[in-house]
Amino acid sequence: MKNEKILCEQMITGGWNYSRIVKRGQALRLTDVDGGGNASAMLFNAKNFTERFNLGDTLKIQHICRIAKNNCLYSDMGRILMSVTEDSCGWHDPLCGCTHADLIRERFGVKDYQEAHNDFYRNGYDSLLVEMGKYGMTKRDFTELVNFFSKVVVSSNGKMTFVSGNSKAGDFVTLRSEMDTLVVLDTGMHPLNPATEYSRKPILAQLLSCELSTAEDPCFTGCPENGRGFINTANYNL
């Protein structure tokens, strides 16, 4: 992006939670530091948490089954929360959700805080709930998410297969806010990751200043529906 400036950054430990409000005129760049990472992200209108990321509209409007460069992330009000302006990875999974306590326990056993302190086995669902709680939200506010850096393909019979090695060390994705957006992240493993050991992969989060989108922007012109989504969002931002 042109005229970007790093405002702040934070290294998120693998298997941990993170959040921040990314204002219009800002972007959030996520970098998979070691490769093989995963960042499960939920998005909310920062001024009204009842408006949040809508998976069905995001995929249907753009005729896609994955998230990549120039795609937009829609809210349930037909507005665009964030758009993907840069992406060195090429495929991010919006289909599979996050891990739950039972899945982690069945695959890796139990390692609780009393035993392992900050190295205990966390799961995506509870990790995201902890972060949401900082904003007064509860499990009833839990919503759909995108697994950045992870790739899952679906066969003709509906079988989902995790593709290992999708994200390499240093791969990144940049999410530009089209309206003030609360981003809630968990950096735990993808639920279909076949790893035999509990995986902890750090993600670098950088808050950037950036230029606002224009009608010539590739995210805007990607499809006619995106143009209408940007217009709806501009009207909301007035």
Protein backbone atom coordinates (compact mmCIF):
# COMPACT_ATOMS: atom_id res chain seq x y z
CA MET A 1 0.00 0.00 0.00
CA LYS A 2 1.14 3.55 -0.70
CA ASN A 3 2.22 5.89 2.10
CA GLU A 4 1.93 3.22 4.76
CA LYS A 5 3.56 3.76 8.14
CA ILE A 6 3.90 1.28 10.97
CA LEU A 7 2.10 2.75 13.98
CA CYS A 8 2.73 -0.14 16.36
CA GLU A 9 3.38 -3.86 16.32
CA GLN A 10 3.05 -6.87 18.58
CA MET A 11 4.34 -10.42 18.37
CA ILE A 12 1.48 -12.75 19.28
CA THR A 13 2.68 -15.97 20.86
CA GLY A 14 1.47 -19.13 19.14
CA GLY A 15 -1.76 -20.39 20.68
CA TRP A 16 -2.64 -17.04 22.21
CA ASN A 17 -5.29 -14.34 21.81
CA TYR A 18 -5.11 -10.72 20.62
CA SER A 19 -7.43 -7.89 19.64
CA ARG A 20 -7.45 -4.30 18.57
CA ILE A 21 -9.68 -1.73 16.92
CA VAL A 22 -8.40 -0.92 13.43
CA LYS A 23 -9.77 2.46 12.44
CA ARG A 24 -10.72 3.63 8.96
CA GLY A 25 -7.49 4.88 7.39
CA GLN A 26 -5.56 2.08 9.06
CA ALA A 27 -4.70 -1.50 8.17
CA LEU A 28 -3.65 -4.60 10.07
CA ARG A 29 -0.81 -6.64 8.61
CA LEU A 30 -0.44 -10.20 9.88
CA THR A 31 2.81 -12.07 9.24
CA ASP A 32 3.36 -15.80 9.68
CA VAL A 33 6.80 -15.62 11.28
CA ASP A 34 7.91 -19.25 11.12
CA GLY A 35 5.55 -20.68 8.49
CA GLY A 36 2.70 -23.07 9.09
CA GLY A 37 0.88 -20.60 11.31
CA ASN A 38 -2.82 -19.91 11.70
CA ALA A 39 -4.71 -16.80 12.81
CA SER A 40 -8.43 -17.30 13.45
CA ALA A 41 -10.03 -13.85 13.12
CA MET A 42 -13.47 -12.52 13.99
CA LEU A 43 -14.49 -9.01 12.88
CA PHE A 44 -17.01 -6.60 14.44
CA ASN A 45 -18.15 -3.06 13.75
CA ALA A 46 -16.16 -1.27 16.45
CA LYS A 47 -19.06 1.13 17.12
CA ASN A 48 -21.78 -1.53 17.20
CA PHE A 49 -20.74 -5.09 18.01
CA THR A 50 -24.07 -6.49 16.80
CA GLU A 51 -22.80 -5.88 13.25
CA ARG A 52 -20.18 -8.47 12.47
CA PHE A 53 -18.49 -10.52 9.74
CA ASN A 54 -20.91 -12.49 7.57
CA LEU A 55 -19.35 -15.52 5.94
CA GLY A 56 -22.23 -16.39 3.63
CA ASP A 57 -22.48 -12.95 2.06
CA THR A 58 -18.70 -12.63 1.77
CA LEU A 59 -18.44 -15.82 -0.27
CA LYS A 60 -21.71 -15.54 -2.21
CA ILE A 61 -21.29 -11.91 -3.28
CA GLN A 62 -17.77 -12.47 -4.63
CA HIS A 63 -18.31 -16.04 -5.93
CA ILE A 64 -15.39 -17.39 -3.91
CA CYS A 65 -14.66 -20.21 -1.47
CA ARG A 66 -11.42 -18.79 -0.03
CA ILE A 67 -10.08 -15.40 1.00
CA ALA A 68 -7.22 -13.84 -0.98
CA LYS A 69 -5.92 -10.54 -2.33
CA ASN A 70 -8.56 -8.01 -3.44
CA ASN A 71 -11.37 -9.83 -1.62
CA CYS A 72 -13.64 -7.96 0.79
CA LEU A 73 -14.90 -9.09 4.19
CA TYR A 74 -18.58 -8.18 4.49
CA SER A 75 -20.72 -7.54 7.53
CA ASP A 76 -24.27 -8.79 7.99
CA MET A 77 -25.46 -5.29 7.05
CA GLY A 78 -24.07 -5.43 3.51
CA ARG A 79 -21.14 -3.19 4.38
CA ILE A 80 -17.43 -3.94 4.03
CA LEU A 81 -15.54 -4.23 7.28
CA MET A 82 -12.09 -4.85 5.78
CA SER A 83 -10.54 -5.55 2.40
CA VAL A 84 -7.46 -7.64 1.56
CA THR A 85 -5.01 -5.27 -0.13
CA GLU A 86 -1.91 -7.46 0.05
CA ASP A 87 -1.47 -11.20 0.35
CA SER A 88 1.66 -13.27 -0.24
CA CYS A 89 0.00 -16.51 0.84
CA GLY A 90 -2.84 -16.74 -1.70
CA TRP A 91 -5.41 -18.78 0.24
CA HIS A 92 -7.05 -18.29 3.63
CA ASP A 93 -9.71 -20.66 4.94
CA PRO A 94 -13.15 -19.24 5.84
CA LEU A 95 -14.95 -22.59 6.16
CA CYS A 96 -13.70 -24.60 9.12
CA GLY A 97 -14.07 -22.51 12.27
CA CYS A 98 -11.73 -23.00 15.21
CA THR A 99 -10.66 -25.72 17.65
CA HIS A 100 -12.68 -26.61 20.75
CA ALA A 101 -11.64 -28.04 24.10
CA ASP A 102 -12.82 -31.58 23.29
CA LEU A 103 -10.82 -31.68 20.06
CA ILE A 104 -7.60 -30.56 21.74
CA ARG A 105 -8.11 -32.98 24.65
CA GLU A 106 -8.79 -35.94 22.35
CA ARG A 107 -5.75 -35.28 20.19
CA PHE A 108 -3.14 -34.07 22.68
CA GLY A 109 -4.38 -34.88 26.17
CA VAL A 110 -4.64 -32.35 28.96
CA LYS A 111 -2.01 -29.82 29.97
CA ASP A 112 -3.64 -27.25 32.23
CA TYR A 113 -2.45 -23.92 33.58
CA GLN A 114 -1.64 -25.34 37.02
CA GLU A 115 0.78 -27.77 35.39
CA ALA A 116 2.23 -25.79 32.49
CA HIS A 117 1.42 -22.14 33.27
CA ASN A 118 1.36 -20.14 30.01
CA ASP A 119 2.31 -23.23 28.01
CA PHE A 120 -0.98 -24.99 28.78
CA TYR A 121 -3.06 -26.39 25.92
CA ARG A 122 -5.50 -23.74 24.77
CA ASN A 123 -8.28 -24.06 22.21
CA GLY A 124 -9.51 -21.46 19.74
CA TYR A 125 -13.07 -21.19 21.01
CA ASP A 126 -12.18 -20.44 24.63
CA SER A 127 -9.24 -18.26 23.61
CA LEU A 128 -11.48 -16.08 21.44
CA LEU A 129 -14.12 -15.89 24.19
CA VAL A 130 -11.48 -14.60 26.62
CA GLU A 131 -10.56 -11.82 24.20
CA MET A 132 -14.19 -10.98 23.41
CA GLY A 133 -14.88 -10.67 27.12
CA LYS A 134 -12.63 -7.62 27.25
CA TYR A 135 -15.31 -5.82 25.23
CA GLY A 136 -18.29 -7.10 27.20
CA MET A 137 -19.16 -9.84 24.73
CA THR A 138 -20.07 -13.43 25.63
CA LYS A 139 -20.59 -16.77 23.87
CA ARG A 140 -23.84 -15.48 22.35
CA ASP A 141 -21.71 -13.00 20.36
CA PHE A 142 -19.42 -15.70 18.97
CA THR A 143 -19.57 -15.51 15.19
CA GLU A 144 -18.02 -16.74 11.96
CA LEU A 145 -14.32 -16.36 11.32
CA VAL A 146 -11.48 -16.61 8.81
CA ASN A 147 -8.43 -18.82 9.39
CA PHE A 148 -5.67 -16.71 7.89
CA PHE A 149 -2.66 -18.62 6.47
CA SER A 150 -4.53 -21.96 6.39
CA LYS A 151 -5.78 -23.72 3.26
CA VAL A 152 -8.54 -26.32 3.09
CA VAL A 153 -9.77 -27.82 -0.17
CA VAL A 154 -13.15 -29.49 -0.64
CA SER A 155 -13.58 -32.51 -2.90
CA SER A 156 -16.59 -33.18 -5.11
CA ASN A 157 -18.08 -35.40 -2.39
CA GLY A 158 -17.70 -32.68 0.24
CA LYS A 159 -14.61 -34.00 2.04
CA MET A 160 -12.43 -31.25 3.50
CA THR A 161 -8.66 -31.69 3.37
CA PHE A 162 -6.08 -29.50 5.13
CA VAL A 163 -3.18 -28.51 2.85
CA SER A 164 0.07 -28.51 4.77
CA GLY A 165 2.77 -26.01 3.83
CA ASN A 166 0.36 -23.42 2.47
CA SER A 167 2.03 -20.57 4.36
CA LYS A 168 5.78 -20.11 4.36
CA ALA A 169 7.92 -18.21 6.84
CA GLY A 170 7.41 -14.49 6.24
CA ASP A 171 4.10 -14.78 4.40
CA PHE A 172 1.76 -11.92 5.22
CA VAL A 173 -1.72 -10.55 4.62
CA THR A 174 -2.80 -6.91 4.93
CA LEU A 175 -6.37 -6.05 5.95
CA ARG A 176 -7.44 -2.46 5.31
CA SER A 177 -10.30 -1.19 7.45
CA GLU A 178 -13.14 0.31 5.42
CA MET A 179 -14.89 1.23 8.69
CA ASP A 180 -13.70 1.15 12.29
CA THR A 181 -13.36 -2.59 12.93
CA LEU A 182 -12.66 -4.64 16.03
CA VAL A 183 -10.43 -7.59 15.13
CA VAL A 184 -10.34 -10.51 17.59
CA LEU A 185 -7.64 -13.12 16.95
CA ASP A 186 -6.54 -16.53 18.16
CA THR A 187 -3.18 -17.88 16.97
CA GLY A 188 -3.89 -21.51 17.80
CA MET A 189 -3.72 -24.37 15.32
CA HIS A 190 -6.31 -24.96 12.62
CA PRO A 191 -8.88 -27.65 13.59
CA LEU A 192 -7.94 -29.84 10.59
CA ASN A 193 -4.17 -29.47 11.04
CA PRO A 194 -2.91 -33.10 11.19
CA ALA A 195 0.10 -32.24 13.38
CA THR A 196 0.87 -34.97 15.93
CA GLU A 197 2.09 -32.44 18.50
CA TYR A 198 0.32 -29.33 19.81
CA SER A 199 1.38 -26.56 17.45
CA ARG A 200 2.43 -23.06 18.56
CA LYS A 201 3.25 -20.68 15.70
CA PRO A 202 3.74 -16.95 16.38
CA ILE A 203 2.04 -14.26 14.32
CA LEU A 204 3.32 -10.68 14.02
CA ALA A 205 0.55 -8.06 14.06
CA GLN A 206 1.40 -4.60 12.72
CA LEU A 207 -0.95 -1.63 12.72
CA LEU A 208 -0.37 0.57 9.67
CA SER A 209 -1.59 3.93 8.51
CA CYS A 210 -2.82 3.82 4.91
CA GLU A 211 -4.73 5.69 2.25
CA LEU A 212 -8.49 5.30 1.98
CA SER A 213 -9.94 3.18 -0.82
CA THR A 214 -11.05 4.78 -4.09
CA ALA A 215 -13.34 3.76 -6.94
CA GLU A 216 -10.24 2.63 -8.88
CA ASP A 217 -9.14 0.28 -6.11
CA PRO A 218 -8.89 -3.40 -7.21
CA CYS A 219 -10.99 -4.42 -4.20
CA PHE A 220 -13.68 -1.97 -5.36
CA THR A 221 -13.62 -3.07 -9.00
CA GLY A 222 -13.28 -6.81 -8.33
CA CYS A 223 -16.99 -7.34 -9.00
CA PRO A 224 -20.07 -5.08 -9.33
CA GLU A 225 -21.34 -6.19 -5.94
CA ASN A 226 -18.17 -4.94 -4.26
CA GLY A 227 -18.76 -1.52 -5.76
CA ARG A 228 -22.17 -1.42 -4.11
CA GLY A 229 -20.67 -2.65 -0.86
CA PHE A 230 -18.13 0.18 -0.85
CA ILE A 231 -20.90 2.72 -1.56
CA ASN A 232 -22.97 1.34 1.36
CA THR A 233 -19.91 1.60 3.60
CA ALA A 234 -19.10 5.16 2.45
CA ASN A 235 -22.65 6.26 3.25
CA TYR A 236 -22.32 4.74 6.73
CA ASN A 237 -19.02 6.58 7.30
CA LEU A 238 -20.49 10.01 6.49
